[in-house]
Amino acid sequence: MNFIQGLLSRLTGARSAMPDSTASASPMRGGALGTSRRASGSGSGLDRISPTRSKMLEYDHTLMWVVIALLGLGLVMVYSASIAMPDSPKYSAYTTNHFLIRHIVSLVVGLVAAVFVFRIPINTWDKWAPKLFVFSLFLLVIVLVPHIGKGVNGARRWIPLGITNMQPSEIMKLAVTIYAANYTVRKQEFMHSFSKGFLPMAFAVGTVGAMLLLEPDMGAFMVIAAIAMGLLFLGGVNAKLFGGLVLTAVGTFSLLVWASPWRRARIFAYLDPWDEQYAQGKAYQLTHSLIAFGRGEWFGVGLGGSVEKLNYLPEAHTDFILAVIGEELGFVGVLVVILLFYWIVRRAFEIGRQALALDRVFAGLVAKGIGLWIGAQTFINMGVNLGLLPTKGLTLPLVSFGGSGILLNCISIALLLRVDYENRVLMRGGKV
């Protein structure tokens, strides 16, 4: 029984005949999505085991519903945050439903892609990891080519595809997650070596960072660096090398900030956003985000009642959607969002730990890498919205408006569910 059939059977309440409690199901055979059959029957093995045991062969329903809840909340809040945007001269050509319709299309495409990705065995991703990384790096180069890459607000981060735009940095997040896991498995015996274990991965991440800083997109670089460093640490890199890597990363980011006048000004604005010289300049987004949270108080002003979204808070439907949630749903709404993301990240690490216990190192590192990806990006986005971190252009995963972001978020969740699914098949005695 494949993923779609299992989902449909649950929605329709269809039930197959169950055997007596004394009967036992035959072992799973075939591929990762293979089925088992009795010698005297023709039904699927998943249909012929008890409900309690059959859950081991299905996906994680709780994780699925948490993701659906965040996607649903994002759909509602994107509409709420963008409904007044056509009142601005910049978006005067758009209808009030423009961003809602585009977000729905992104969700549909993302969910279709997720179903497709779920059907791909994890071993296939292991084989294609280096090629996916090279392809993603090629896209990062292409986006910098004049007349190919699309610039918005001084940043060249998108490749126009006619009806939509593709953001290569989002694809690179997935590619780095898979490649770092693959690299760690291949180089396991060299993890304590600087030249053979640490240096090649550092060079790869440094190359990606150079491309991203040319866009510029330091926020994406921070997330990618967190994924790569986290997986190297989990993969058993030498503690001294890891400490050196951390110090190098911190020193590099500090140097980049100090060498760039506009980044330096943004840091000063972050330290004192209410100063007159910053409040209407570099700290404009931050001050209005804080005002939105202040207006929301405990329970918010009510869905649709935000004032800051009325063209006061820039990028309210993307980077600062949490501020709109805080204003309309209050502290309680923000706390619910935090708890939902906490559940996803914690579950990702549990799935990864379970895969490692089954000697599936690559799958385990991929699951933990996805947890690092979602956790790091969520932390940075929330930190920016709440004034805990300097302003960065990062969306809130699964919630913010953005075609490439939603697509890659759905794909990453599908990969996580696939790792969990294969864990359950192996624990049942099947093959993947």
Protein backbone atom coordinates (compact mmCIF):
# COMPACT_ATOMS: atom_id res chain seq x y z
CA MET A 1 0.00 0.00 0.00
CA ASN A 2 1.55 3.27 -1.02
CA PHE A 3 1.31 6.64 0.69
CA ILE A 4 -1.71 7.90 -1.27
CA GLN A 5 -3.73 4.72 -0.78
CA GLY A 6 -3.01 4.75 2.93
CA LEU A 7 -4.10 8.37 3.22
CA LEU A 8 -7.28 7.82 1.22
CA SER A 9 -8.23 4.76 3.24
CA ARG A 10 -7.91 6.76 6.44
CA LEU A 11 -9.99 9.63 5.07
CA THR A 12 -12.75 7.37 3.80
CA GLY A 13 -12.65 5.07 6.82
CA ALA A 14 -12.17 2.04 4.62
CA ARG A 15 -11.22 -1.10 6.50
CA SER A 16 -9.88 -4.37 5.20
CA ALA A 17 -10.53 -7.74 6.73
CA MET A 18 -8.33 -8.44 9.76
CA PRO A 19 -7.00 -11.87 10.71
CA ASP A 20 -7.57 -13.60 14.01
CA SER A 21 -5.39 -12.46 16.87
CA THR A 22 -3.48 -15.73 16.69
CA ALA A 23 -2.56 -15.28 13.03
CA SER A 24 0.71 -13.67 12.05
CA ALA A 25 1.52 -11.61 8.98
CA SER A 26 4.22 -12.76 6.62
CA PRO A 27 7.41 -10.69 6.30
CA MET A 28 7.58 -7.69 4.01
CA ARG A 29 9.16 -8.32 0.61
CA GLY A 30 10.14 -6.20 -2.37
CA GLY A 31 11.31 -2.60 -2.47
CA ALA A 32 10.92 0.22 0.04
CA LEU A 33 7.22 0.40 -0.69
CA GLY A 34 6.85 -3.35 -1.19
CA THR A 35 3.91 -5.35 0.14
CA SER A 36 3.57 -8.77 1.69
CA ARG A 37 1.06 -11.41 0.73
CA ARG A 38 -0.08 -14.56 2.42
CA ALA A 39 0.43 -17.83 0.69
CA SER A 40 -3.33 -18.29 0.55
CA GLY A 41 -4.42 -14.68 0.13
CA SER A 42 -4.03 -11.81 -2.29
CA GLY A 43 -4.49 -8.76 -0.05
CA SER A 44 -1.78 -6.38 1.06
CA GLY A 45 0.17 -7.31 4.16
CA LEU A 46 -0.61 -3.89 5.59
CA ASP A 47 -4.32 -4.69 5.33
CA ARG A 48 -3.95 -8.02 7.11
CA ILE A 49 -2.22 -7.10 10.32
CA SER A 50 -3.84 -5.73 13.45
CA PRO A 51 -4.51 -1.96 13.67
CA THR A 52 -1.92 -1.49 16.41
CA ARG A 53 0.86 -3.23 14.48
CA SER A 54 -0.13 -1.64 11.16
CA LYS A 55 0.71 1.79 12.56
CA MET A 56 4.38 0.75 12.52
CA LEU A 57 4.23 0.56 8.74
CA GLU A 58 2.60 3.95 8.24
CA TYR A 59 3.91 7.47 8.39
CA ASP A 60 3.96 9.68 11.49
CA HIS A 61 0.38 11.01 11.70
CA THR A 62 1.11 13.50 14.48
CA LEU A 63 4.01 15.03 12.57
CA MET A 64 1.79 15.18 9.48
CA TRP A 65 -0.96 17.06 11.31
CA VAL A 66 1.51 19.50 12.87
CA VAL A 67 2.85 20.34 9.41
CA ILE A 68 -0.70 20.69 8.04
CA ALA A 69 -1.55 23.01 10.94
CA LEU A 70 1.41 25.27 10.12
CA LEU A 71 0.59 25.25 6.40
CA GLY A 72 -3.05 26.10 7.17
CA LEU A 73 -2.05 28.88 9.54
CA GLY A 74 0.33 30.22 6.92
CA LEU A 75 -2.41 30.27 4.30
CA VAL A 76 -4.72 32.27 6.58
CA MET A 77 -2.02 34.68 7.76
CA VAL A 78 -0.59 35.28 4.26
CA TYR A 79 -4.06 36.33 3.13
CA SER A 80 -4.55 38.49 6.20
CA ALA A 81 -1.12 40.14 5.88
CA SER A 82 -1.37 40.78 2.13
CA ILE A 83 -4.99 41.82 1.69
CA ALA A 84 -4.18 45.52 2.08
CA MET A 85 -1.03 45.52 -0.05
CA PRO A 86 -2.79 46.69 -3.28
CA ASP A 87 -3.39 50.02 -1.49
CA SER A 88 0.35 50.69 -1.88
CA PRO A 89 1.51 52.20 -5.20
CA LYS A 90 4.10 49.42 -5.46
CA TYR A 91 1.37 46.74 -5.61
CA SER A 92 -1.47 48.81 -7.08
CA ALA A 93 -1.73 46.52 -10.13
CA TYR A 94 -2.52 43.49 -7.92
CA THR A 95 -5.89 42.36 -6.62
CA THR A 96 -6.56 41.74 -2.94
CA ASN A 97 -6.49 37.97 -3.63
CA HIS A 98 -3.26 37.99 -5.67
CA PHE A 99 -0.93 36.67 -2.97
CA LEU A 100 -3.55 34.27 -1.62
CA ILE A 101 -4.00 32.62 -5.02
CA ARG A 102 -0.24 32.39 -5.60
CA HIS A 103 0.24 30.90 -2.15
CA ILE A 104 -2.45 28.29 -2.78
CA VAL A 105 -0.75 27.35 -6.05
CA SER A 106 2.59 27.05 -4.19
CA LEU A 107 0.96 24.79 -1.60
CA VAL A 108 -0.55 22.54 -4.26
CA VAL A 109 2.76 22.26 -6.12
CA GLY A 110 4.61 21.64 -2.86
CA LEU A 111 2.23 18.90 -1.73
CA VAL A 112 2.36 17.16 -5.13
CA ALA A 113 6.16 17.30 -5.03
CA ALA A 114 6.11 15.96 -1.46
CA VAL A 115 4.07 12.92 -2.49
CA PHE A 116 6.51 12.24 -5.33
CA VAL A 117 9.57 12.65 -3.08
CA PHE A 118 8.06 10.38 -0.43
CA ARG A 119 8.08 7.53 -2.95
CA ILE A 120 11.85 7.84 -3.59
CA PRO A 121 13.99 5.53 -1.41
CA ILE A 122 16.54 7.25 0.80
CA ASN A 123 19.34 5.23 -0.83
CA THR A 124 18.57 7.01 -4.11
CA TRP A 125 19.20 10.37 -2.49
CA ASP A 126 22.49 9.02 -1.15
CA LYS A 127 23.63 8.11 -4.67
CA TRP A 128 22.63 11.45 -6.18
CA ALA A 129 23.85 13.70 -3.33
CA PRO A 130 27.08 14.96 -5.00
CA LYS A 131 25.33 15.64 -8.32
CA LEU A 132 22.51 17.52 -6.59
CA PHE A 133 25.06 19.65 -4.77
CA VAL A 134 26.93 20.51 -7.99
CA PHE A 135 23.65 21.33 -9.75
CA SER A 136 22.60 23.64 -6.90
CA LEU A 137 25.99 25.34 -6.98
CA PHE A 138 25.56 25.85 -10.74
CA LEU A 139 22.21 27.57 -10.08
CA LEU A 140 23.88 29.88 -7.55
CA VAL A 141 26.32 30.92 -10.28
CA ILE A 142 23.58 31.35 -12.89
CA VAL A 143 21.53 33.66 -10.66
CA LEU A 144 24.44 36.14 -10.63
CA VAL A 145 24.59 36.37 -14.44
CA PRO A 146 23.10 39.65 -15.74
CA HIS A 147 19.79 39.32 -17.59
CA ILE A 148 19.27 35.85 -16.04
CA GLY A 149 19.06 36.47 -12.32
CA LYS A 150 16.29 38.75 -11.10
CA GLY A 151 17.08 41.55 -8.65
CA VAL A 152 14.65 42.81 -6.00
CA ASN A 153 15.49 45.58 -3.51
CA GLY A 154 19.19 45.42 -4.42
CA ALA A 155 19.49 41.63 -4.05
CA ARG A 156 19.83 39.20 -6.97
CA ARG A 157 18.40 35.95 -5.60
CA TRP A 158 15.80 34.71 -8.09
CA ILE A 159 15.72 33.08 -11.51
CA PRO A 160 12.51 34.01 -13.38
CA LEU A 161 10.61 31.04 -14.82
CA GLY A 162 7.73 32.88 -16.44
CA ILE A 163 4.79 32.38 -14.08
CA THR A 164 7.00 32.16 -11.00
CA ASN A 165 10.52 32.73 -9.69
CA MET A 166 12.96 30.12 -8.41
CA GLN A 167 15.32 30.87 -5.51
CA PRO A 168 18.48 28.71 -5.82
CA SER A 169 19.46 29.29 -2.18
CA GLU A 170 16.39 27.28 -1.09
CA ILE A 171 17.47 24.37 -3.29
CA MET A 172 20.98 24.65 -1.87
CA LYS A 173 19.64 24.16 1.67
CA LEU A 174 18.28 20.76 0.63
CA ALA A 175 21.42 19.95 -1.36
CA VAL A 176 23.75 20.79 1.53
CA THR A 177 21.67 18.70 3.93
CA ILE A 178 21.91 15.63 1.70
CA TYR A 179 25.50 16.22 0.61
CA ALA A 180 26.81 16.80 4.15
CA ALA A 181 25.16 13.54 5.28
CA ASN A 182 26.62 11.70 2.28
CA TYR A 183 30.07 13.24 2.84
CA THR A 184 30.07 12.31 6.53
CA VAL A 185 29.28 8.67 5.72
CA ARG A 186 31.90 8.45 2.95
CA LYS A 187 34.62 10.15 4.99
CA GLN A 188 33.82 8.60 8.35
CA GLU A 189 37.33 7.21 8.79
CA PHE A 190 38.83 10.66 8.06
CA MET A 191 36.61 12.71 10.38
CA HIS A 192 39.59 13.35 12.67
CA SER A 193 41.82 14.48 9.81
CA PHE A 194 42.09 18.17 8.90
CA SER A 195 43.19 17.70 5.30
CA LYS A 196 41.02 14.70 4.37
CA GLY A 197 37.98 15.16 6.58
CA PHE A 198 37.50 18.78 7.52
CA LEU A 199 39.08 20.81 4.70
CA PRO A 200 37.09 19.46 1.70
CA MET A 201 33.75 20.16 3.40
CA ALA A 202 34.92 23.57 4.58
CA PHE A 203 35.94 24.42 1.00
CA ALA A 204 32.53 23.33 -0.33
CA VAL A 205 30.62 25.40 2.23
CA GLY A 206 32.98 28.34 1.69
CA THR A 207 32.29 28.24 -2.05
CA VAL A 208 28.56 28.24 -1.41
CA GLY A 209 29.00 31.11 1.03
CA ALA A 210 30.93 33.17 -1.52
CA MET A 211 28.13 32.76 -4.05
CA LEU A 212 25.45 33.66 -1.51
CA LEU A 213 27.31 36.74 -0.28
CA LEU A 214 27.52 38.01 -3.86
CA GLU A 215 23.72 37.99 -4.13
CA PRO A 216 23.82 39.04 -1.19
CA ASP A 217 21.98 36.56 1.07
CA MET A 218 23.78 36.22 4.39
CA GLY A 219 20.67 34.79 6.06
CA ALA A 220 20.65 31.75 3.77
CA PHE A 221 24.42 31.36 4.25
CA MET A 222 23.95 31.28 8.03
CA VAL A 223 21.34 28.52 7.73
CA ILE A 224 23.49 26.49 5.33
CA ALA A 225 26.56 26.90 7.54
CA ALA A 226 24.52 25.77 10.56
CA ILE A 227 23.37 22.64 8.69
CA ALA A 228 26.87 21.71 7.50
CA MET A 229 28.54 22.39 10.85
CA GLY A 230 25.81 20.57 12.74
CA LEU A 231 26.07 17.45 10.58
CA LEU A 232 29.85 17.42 10.82
CA PHE A 233 29.53 17.58 14.60
CA LEU A 234 26.92 14.81 14.66
CA GLY A 235 29.07 12.80 12.25
CA GLY A 236 31.95 12.70 14.72
CA VAL A 237 34.35 15.40 13.51
CA ASN A 238 37.33 16.03 15.76
CA ALA A 239 36.38 18.36 18.64
CA LYS A 240 39.37 20.64 18.06
CA LEU A 241 38.59 20.91 14.35
CA PHE A 242 34.96 21.66 15.11
CA GLY A 243 35.94 24.33 17.63
CA GLY A 244 38.23 25.86 15.04
CA LEU A 245 35.42 25.77 12.49
CA VAL A 246 33.09 27.60 14.87
CA LEU A 247 35.68 30.27 15.64
CA THR A 248 36.43 30.66 11.94
CA ALA A 249 32.73 31.03 11.11
CA VAL A 250 32.17 33.61 13.86
CA GLY A 251 35.30 35.52 12.79
CA THR A 252 34.25 35.45 9.13
CA PHE A 253 30.76 36.74 9.85
CA SER A 254 32.17 39.47 12.11
CA LEU A 255 34.65 40.53 9.42
CA LEU A 256 31.92 40.62 6.77
CA VAL A 257 29.75 42.80 8.98
CA TRP A 258 32.59 45.16 9.84
CA ALA A 259 33.80 45.45 6.23
CA SER A 260 30.32 46.33 4.93
CA PRO A 261 29.06 49.81 5.90
CA TRP A 262 25.38 48.97 5.37
CA ARG A 263 25.67 45.75 7.40
CA ARG A 264 27.48 47.65 10.14
CA ALA A 265 24.74 50.28 10.16
CA ARG A 266 22.15 47.52 10.46
CA ILE A 267 23.92 46.13 13.53
CA PHE A 268 23.98 49.56 15.19
CA ALA A 269 20.30 49.99 14.36
CA TYR A 270 19.54 46.62 15.91
CA LEU A 271 21.33 47.62 19.12
CA ASP A 272 19.28 50.84 19.47
CA PRO A 273 16.26 50.65 17.12
CA TRP A 274 14.41 53.56 18.75
CA ASP A 275 17.19 56.06 18.12
CA GLU A 276 15.94 58.87 15.84
CA GLN A 277 18.59 58.22 13.20
CA TYR A 278 17.59 54.54 12.93
CA ALA A 279 13.86 54.39 13.67
CA GLN A 280 12.93 55.75 10.24
CA GLY A 281 15.85 54.08 8.46
CA LYS A 282 17.68 50.82 9.08
CA ALA A 283 15.50 49.94 12.09
CA TYR A 284 12.18 50.81 10.43
CA GLN A 285 11.08 47.18 9.99
CA LEU A 286 12.22 46.21 13.48
CA THR A 287 10.44 49.07 15.24
CA HIS A 288 7.15 48.38 13.46
CA SER A 289 7.52 44.66 14.17
CA LEU A 290 7.92 45.43 17.87
CA ILE A 291 4.92 47.74 17.74
CA ALA A 292 2.89 44.90 16.24
CA PHE A 293 3.85 42.53 19.06
CA GLY A 294 3.08 45.24 21.61
CA ARG A 295 -0.40 45.80 20.18
CA GLY A 296 -1.14 42.09 20.24
CA GLU A 297 -0.54 41.68 23.98
CA TRP A 298 -1.81 38.31 25.28
CA PHE A 299 -4.63 37.34 22.91
CA GLY A 300 -4.22 39.72 19.98
CA VAL A 301 -6.50 42.29 18.39
CA GLY A 302 -8.33 39.60 16.42
CA LEU A 303 -7.83 37.94 13.05
CA GLY A 304 -7.73 40.61 10.35
CA GLY A 305 -7.42 43.46 12.84
CA SER A 306 -3.73 44.24 12.36
CA VAL A 307 -2.82 47.87 11.75
CA GLU A 308 0.85 47.31 10.99
CA LYS A 309 0.01 45.22 7.91
CA LEU A 310 -1.65 48.29 6.38
CA ASN A 311 1.60 49.13 4.58
CA TYR A 312 3.42 50.20 7.73
CA LEU A 313 5.38 46.96 8.19
CA PRO A 314 7.34 46.01 5.03
CA GLU A 315 7.33 42.36 3.95
CA ALA A 316 4.52 41.56 6.36
CA HIS A 317 3.50 38.49 4.34
CA THR A 318 7.04 37.05 4.09
CA ASP A 319 9.90 37.85 6.48
CA PHE A 320 7.75 39.51 9.16
CA ILE A 321 4.64 37.34 9.12
CA LEU A 322 5.27 36.36 12.75
CA ALA A 323 4.77 40.00 13.74
CA VAL A 324 1.32 39.96 12.12
CA ILE A 325 0.56 36.71 13.96
CA GLY A 326 1.66 38.38 17.19
CA GLU A 327 -0.54 41.40 16.58
CA GLU A 328 -3.66 39.50 15.54
CA LEU A 329 -3.36 36.35 17.68
CA GLY A 330 -1.23 37.71 20.52
CA PHE A 331 1.31 35.98 22.72
CA VAL A 332 -0.82 32.84 22.78
CA GLY A 333 -0.76 32.57 18.99
CA VAL A 334 3.01 33.06 18.84
CA LEU A 335 3.51 30.49 21.60
CA VAL A 336 1.45 27.93 19.66
CA VAL A 337 3.59 28.51 16.57
CA ILE A 338 6.78 28.06 18.61
CA LEU A 339 5.48 24.81 20.11
CA LEU A 340 4.53 23.45 16.68
CA PHE A 341 8.03 24.11 15.34
CA TYR A 342 9.55 22.64 18.49
CA TRP A 343 7.56 19.45 17.86
CA ILE A 344 8.84 19.17 14.27
CA VAL A 345 12.48 19.71 15.23
CA ARG A 346 12.31 17.32 18.20
CA ARG A 347 10.60 14.67 16.09
CA ALA A 348 13.20 15.06 13.34
CA PHE A 349 15.99 14.29 15.81
CA GLU A 350 14.05 11.34 17.23
CA ILE A 351 13.59 9.90 13.73
CA GLY A 352 17.27 10.45 13.02
CA ARG A 353 18.30 8.76 16.26
CA GLN A 354 16.08 5.80 15.46
CA ALA A 355 17.62 5.49 11.98
CA LEU A 356 21.13 5.54 13.48
CA ALA A 357 20.09 2.79 15.89
CA LEU A 358 19.16 0.73 12.82
CA ASP A 359 22.63 1.34 11.31
CA ARG A 360 21.18 3.71 8.71
CA VAL A 361 23.74 6.48 9.15
CA PHE A 362 22.94 8.47 6.00
CA ALA A 363 19.19 8.41 6.66
CA GLY A 364 19.73 9.36 10.30
CA LEU A 365 21.93 12.33 9.40
CA VAL A 366 19.46 13.50 6.75
CA ALA A 367 16.64 13.49 9.30
CA LYS A 368 18.74 15.42 11.81
CA GLY A 369 19.91 17.77 9.06
CA ILE A 370 16.30 18.61 8.24
CA GLY A 371 15.73 19.28 11.92
CA LEU A 372 18.76 21.61 11.93
CA TRP A 373 17.52 23.35 8.78
CA ILE A 374 14.01 24.03 10.06
CA GLY A 375 15.21 24.81 13.57
CA ALA A 376 17.96 27.25 12.51
CA GLN A 377 15.79 29.12 9.99
CA THR A 378 12.87 29.33 12.42
CA PHE A 379 15.14 30.59 15.20
CA ILE A 380 16.67 33.29 12.98
CA ASN A 381 13.31 34.43 11.60
CA MET A 382 11.70 34.60 15.04
CA GLY A 383 14.77 36.28 16.49
CA VAL A 384 14.63 38.97 13.81
CA ASN A 385 10.91 39.56 14.32
CA LEU A 386 11.30 39.82 18.10
CA GLY A 387 14.38 42.05 17.94
CA LEU A 388 16.73 39.40 19.34
CA LEU A 389 18.81 39.27 16.13
CA PRO A 390 19.73 41.83 13.44
CA THR A 391 17.36 42.03 10.50
CA LYS A 392 17.83 39.26 7.92
CA GLY A 393 15.79 38.32 4.89
CA LEU A 394 14.63 34.85 5.94
CA THR A 395 11.11 33.50 5.76
CA LEU A 396 9.34 31.47 8.44
CA PRO A 397 9.32 27.85 7.17
CA LEU A 398 5.93 26.43 6.12
CA VAL A 399 4.19 29.70 7.03
CA SER A 400 5.57 32.66 5.05
CA PHE A 401 4.63 33.46 1.46
CA GLY A 402 7.13 32.23 -1.10
CA GLY A 403 6.98 29.63 -3.85
CA SER A 404 10.52 28.21 -3.60
CA GLY A 405 10.45 28.21 0.19
CA ILE A 406 7.14 26.36 0.45
CA LEU A 407 8.19 23.86 -2.23
CA LEU A 408 11.48 22.97 -0.54
CA ASN A 409 9.90 22.92 2.93
CA CYS A 410 7.32 20.38 1.73
CA ILE A 411 10.04 18.30 0.09
CA SER A 412 12.13 18.30 3.27
CA ILE A 413 9.15 17.15 5.35
CA ALA A 414 8.47 14.39 2.80
CA LEU A 415 12.09 13.25 3.15
CA LEU A 416 11.71 13.20 6.92
CA LEU A 417 8.52 11.15 6.64
CA ARG A 418 10.28 8.80 4.23
CA VAL A 419 13.09 8.16 6.73
CA ASP A 420 10.51 7.47 9.41
CA TYR A 421 8.55 5.18 7.09
CA GLU A 422 11.62 3.11 6.23
CA ASN A 423 12.50 2.90 9.93
CA ARG A 424 9.07 1.42 10.62
CA VAL A 425 9.35 -1.06 7.74
CA LEU A 426 12.73 -2.28 9.01
CA MET A 427 11.49 -2.54 12.58
CA ARG A 428 8.68 -4.73 11.26
CA GLY A 429 11.21 -7.02 9.60
CA GLY A 430 10.74 -5.75 6.05
CA LYS A 431 13.22 -4.50 3.46
CA VAL A 432 13.80 -1.06 2.00
